[in-house]
Amino acid sequence: MRDAKPARSRLRRVILYAFLVGLVLAIAALVYVIVSGISLWRHAKRTGGAFATELSRFEERAARTERLLADADRSNRQLEAALARLRVSGARLQVLLETLERAQSRTRWLRALLPL
């Protein structure tokens, strides 16, 4: 019976040591997970800030592109209106030139008689 007590005592010690080793490993794993989580959170925060900055730049460029397209569309409409006015003016000029040519051909005989 005496031998049974030290064997039990040794068994309890082994169980206690195993429990303590498991507890230390669990605490070390928990510390590792917390440190890794904090590192991941910082990295995600930094990446999110960079992403937000780039997204803001992209939105600014998109807005600028929309403004430039609107300006180009307005300029195109103005150019088309000016081109239409130019065509009308060209047609009027052509009519006036034809009229002047007809008038000159009709009065050619007068130029021969009148000394200028």
C-alpha atoms as a PDB file:
ATOM      1  CA  MET A   1       0.000   0.000   0.000  1.00  0.00           C
ATOM      2  CA  ARG A   2       2.913   2.263   0.609  1.00  0.00           C
ATOM      3  CA  ASP A   3       4.051   1.889  -2.990  1.00  0.00           C
ATOM      4  CA  ALA A   4       0.640   2.914  -4.215  1.00  0.00           C
ATOM      5  CA  LYS A   5       0.846   6.340  -2.526  1.00  0.00           C
ATOM      6  CA  PRO A   6       4.054   7.450  -4.262  1.00  0.00           C
ATOM      7  CA  ALA A   7       2.728   6.135  -7.573  1.00  0.00           C
ATOM      8  CA  ARG A   8      -0.433   8.161  -7.110  1.00  0.00           C
ATOM      9  CA  SER A   9       1.566  11.166  -6.061  1.00  0.00           C
ATOM     10  CA  ARG A  10       3.784  10.813  -9.125  1.00  0.00           C
ATOM     11  CA  LEU A  11       0.726  10.367 -11.342  1.00  0.00           C
ATOM     12  CA  ARG A  12      -0.805  13.505  -9.884  1.00  0.00           C
ATOM     13  CA  ARG A  13       2.432  15.381 -10.512  1.00  0.00           C
ATOM     14  CA  VAL A  14       2.568  14.184 -14.126  1.00  0.00           C
ATOM     15  CA  ILE A  15      -1.049  15.201 -14.628  1.00  0.00           C
ATOM     16  CA  LEU A  16      -0.368  18.568 -12.959  1.00  0.00           C
ATOM     17  CA  TYR A  17       2.709  19.135 -15.156  1.00  0.00           C
ATOM     18  CA  ALA A  18       0.781  18.154 -18.269  1.00  0.00           C
ATOM     19  CA  PHE A  19      -2.019  20.522 -17.288  1.00  0.00           C
ATOM     20  CA  LEU A  20       0.479  23.344 -16.631  1.00  0.00           C
ATOM     21  CA  VAL A  21       2.275  22.716 -19.934  1.00  0.00           C
ATOM     22  CA  GLY A  22      -1.092  22.715 -21.729  1.00  0.00           C
ATOM     23  CA  LEU A  23      -2.090  25.920 -19.923  1.00  0.00           C
ATOM     24  CA  VAL A  24       1.202  27.624 -20.847  1.00  0.00           C
ATOM     25  CA  LEU A  25       0.831  26.508 -24.468  1.00  0.00           C
ATOM     26  CA  ALA A  26      -2.767  27.745 -24.557  1.00  0.00           C
ATOM     27  CA  ILE A  27      -1.737  31.127 -23.116  1.00  0.00           C
ATOM     28  CA  ALA A  28       1.159  31.372 -25.601  1.00  0.00           C
ATOM     29  CA  ALA A  29      -1.195  30.514 -28.461  1.00  0.00           C
ATOM     30  CA  LEU A  30      -3.693  33.115 -27.228  1.00  0.00           C
ATOM     31  CA  VAL A  31      -0.965  35.778 -27.043  1.00  0.00           C
ATOM     32  CA  TYR A  32       0.204  34.837 -30.552  1.00  0.00           C
ATOM     33  CA  VAL A  33      -3.360  35.064 -31.898  1.00  0.00           C
ATOM     34  CA  ILE A  34      -3.920  38.445 -30.225  1.00  0.00           C
ATOM     35  CA  VAL A  35      -0.635  39.876 -31.554  1.00  0.00           C
ATOM     36  CA  SER A  36      -1.363  38.519 -35.033  1.00  0.00           C
ATOM     37  CA  GLY A  37      -4.896  39.927 -34.872  1.00  0.00           C
ATOM     38  CA  ILE A  38      -3.628  43.371 -33.881  1.00  0.00           C
ATOM     39  CA  SER A  39      -1.060  43.253 -36.685  1.00  0.00           C
ATOM     40  CA  LEU A  40      -3.736  42.218 -39.169  1.00  0.00           C
ATOM     41  CA  TRP A  41      -6.049  44.988 -37.926  1.00  0.00           C
ATOM     42  CA  ARG A  42      -3.295  47.601 -38.356  1.00  0.00           C
ATOM     43  CA  HIS A  43      -2.485  46.318 -41.822  1.00  0.00           C
ATOM     44  CA  ALA A  44      -6.162  46.315 -42.804  1.00  0.00           C
ATOM     45  CA  LYS A  45      -6.535  49.855 -41.448  1.00  0.00           C
ATOM     46  CA  ARG A  46      -3.514  51.044 -43.441  1.00  0.00           C
ATOM     47  CA  THR A  47      -4.714  49.243 -46.572  1.00  0.00           C
ATOM     48  CA  GLY A  48      -8.226  50.620 -46.127  1.00  0.00           C
ATOM     49  CA  GLY A  49      -6.822  54.149 -45.883  1.00  0.00           C
ATOM     50  CA  ALA A  50      -4.776  53.664 -49.029  1.00  0.00           C
ATOM     51  CA  PHE A  51      -7.786  52.163 -50.788  1.00  0.00           C
ATOM     52  CA  ALA A  52      -9.973  55.085 -49.713  1.00  0.00           C
ATOM     53  CA  THR A  53      -7.359  57.542 -50.984  1.00  0.00           C
ATOM     54  CA  GLU A  54      -7.121  55.825 -54.358  1.00  0.00           C
ATOM     55  CA  LEU A  55     -10.906  55.590 -54.589  1.00  0.00           C
ATOM     56  CA  SER A  56     -11.157  59.314 -53.867  1.00  0.00           C
ATOM     57  CA  ARG A  57      -8.606  60.053 -56.610  1.00  0.00           C
ATOM     58  CA  PHE A  58     -10.518  57.846 -59.020  1.00  0.00           C
ATOM     59  CA  GLU A  59     -13.778  59.660 -58.215  1.00  0.00           C
ATOM     60  CA  GLU A  60     -12.077  63.030 -58.777  1.00  0.00           C
ATOM     61  CA  ARG A  61     -10.741  61.858 -62.139  1.00  0.00           C
ATOM     62  CA  ALA A  62     -14.131  60.470 -63.119  1.00  0.00           C
ATOM     63  CA  ALA A  63     -15.812  63.778 -62.218  1.00  0.00           C
ATOM     64  CA  ARG A  64     -13.179  65.706 -64.189  1.00  0.00           C
ATOM     65  CA  THR A  65     -13.679  63.407 -67.174  1.00  0.00           C
ATOM     66  CA  GLU A  66     -17.441  63.961 -67.005  1.00  0.00           C
ATOM     67  CA  ARG A  67     -16.904  67.739 -66.926  1.00  0.00           C
ATOM     68  CA  LEU A  68     -14.535  67.554 -69.890  1.00  0.00           C
ATOM     69  CA  LEU A  69     -17.010  65.397 -71.826  1.00  0.00           C
ATOM     70  CA  ALA A  70     -19.801  67.860 -71.064  1.00  0.00           C
ATOM     71  CA  ASP A  71     -17.566  70.734 -72.226  1.00  0.00           C
ATOM     72  CA  ALA A  72     -16.650  68.830 -75.381  1.00  0.00           C
ATOM     73  CA  ASP A  73     -20.321  68.099 -76.073  1.00  0.00           C
ATOM     74  CA  ARG A  74     -21.231  71.764 -75.588  1.00  0.00           C
ATOM     75  CA  SER A  75     -18.333  72.841 -77.825  1.00  0.00           C
ATOM     76  CA  ASN A  76     -19.404  70.311 -80.443  1.00  0.00           C
ATOM     77  CA  ARG A  77     -22.939  71.724 -80.468  1.00  0.00           C
ATOM     78  CA  GLN A  78     -21.549  75.262 -80.787  1.00  0.00           C
ATOM     79  CA  LEU A  79     -19.280  74.137 -83.602  1.00  0.00           C
ATOM     80  CA  GLU A  80     -22.179  72.500 -85.440  1.00  0.00           C
ATOM     81  CA  ALA A  81     -24.235  75.695 -85.082  1.00  0.00           C
ATOM     82  CA  ALA A  82     -21.307  77.772 -86.376  1.00  0.00           C
ATOM     83  CA  LEU A  83     -20.874  75.346 -89.280  1.00  0.00           C
ATOM     84  CA  ALA A  84     -24.567  75.684 -90.161  1.00  0.00           C
ATOM     85  CA  ARG A  85     -24.228  79.493 -90.085  1.00  0.00           C
ATOM     86  CA  LEU A  86     -21.120  79.240 -92.244  1.00  0.00           C
ATOM     87  CA  ARG A  87     -22.972  77.108 -94.805  1.00  0.00           C
ATOM     88  CA  VAL A  88     -25.801  79.655 -94.932  1.00  0.00           C
ATOM     89  CA  SER A  89     -23.284  82.496 -95.320  1.00  0.00           C
ATOM     90  CA  GLY A  90     -21.457  80.546 -98.042  1.00  0.00           C
ATOM     91  CA  ALA A  91     -24.731  79.989 -99.901  1.00  0.00           C
ATOM     92  CA  ARG A  92     -25.580  83.698 -99.631  1.00  0.00           C
ATOM     93  CA  LEU A  93     -22.102  84.619-100.844  1.00  0.00           C
ATOM     94  CA  GLN A  94     -22.489  82.260-103.802  1.00  0.00           C
ATOM     95  CA  VAL A  95     -25.837  83.854-104.698  1.00  0.00           C
ATOM     96  CA  LEU A  96     -24.296  87.336-104.445  1.00  0.00           C
ATOM     97  CA  LEU A  97     -21.291  86.330-106.577  1.00  0.00           C
ATOM     98  CA  GLU A  98     -23.553  84.818-109.239  1.00  0.00           C
ATOM     99  CA  THR A  99     -25.693  87.967-109.211  1.00  0.00           C
ATOM    100  CA  LEU A 100     -22.602  90.146-109.508  1.00  0.00           C
ATOM    101  CA  GLU A 101     -21.281  88.045-112.378  1.00  0.00           C
ATOM    102  CA  ARG A 102     -24.621  88.279-114.203  1.00  0.00           C
ATOM    103  CA  ALA A 103     -24.690  92.022-113.651  1.00  0.00           C
ATOM    104  CA  GLN A 104     -21.160  92.374-114.957  1.00  0.00           C
ATOM    105  CA  SER A 105     -21.921  90.301-118.029  1.00  0.00           C
ATOM    106  CA  ARG A 106     -25.025  92.429-118.749  1.00  0.00           C
ATOM    107  CA  THR A 107     -23.136  95.693-118.350  1.00  0.00           C
ATOM    108  CA  ARG A 108     -19.980  94.675-120.198  1.00  0.00           C
ATOM    109  CA  TRP A 109     -20.995  96.704-123.264  1.00  0.00           C
ATOM    110  CA  LEU A 110     -21.339  99.778-121.034  1.00  0.00           C
ATOM    111  CA  ARG A 111     -17.763  99.483-119.871  1.00  0.00           C
ATOM    112  CA  ALA A 112     -16.614  99.486-123.428  1.00  0.00           C
ATOM    113  CA  LEU A 113     -18.403 102.778-124.086  1.00  0.00           C
ATOM    114  CA  LEU A 114     -17.641 104.587-120.842  1.00  0.00           C
ATOM    115  CA  PRO A 115     -14.062 105.731-120.342  1.00  0.00           C
ATOM    116  CA  LEU A 116     -12.921 104.915-116.824  1.00  0.00           C
END
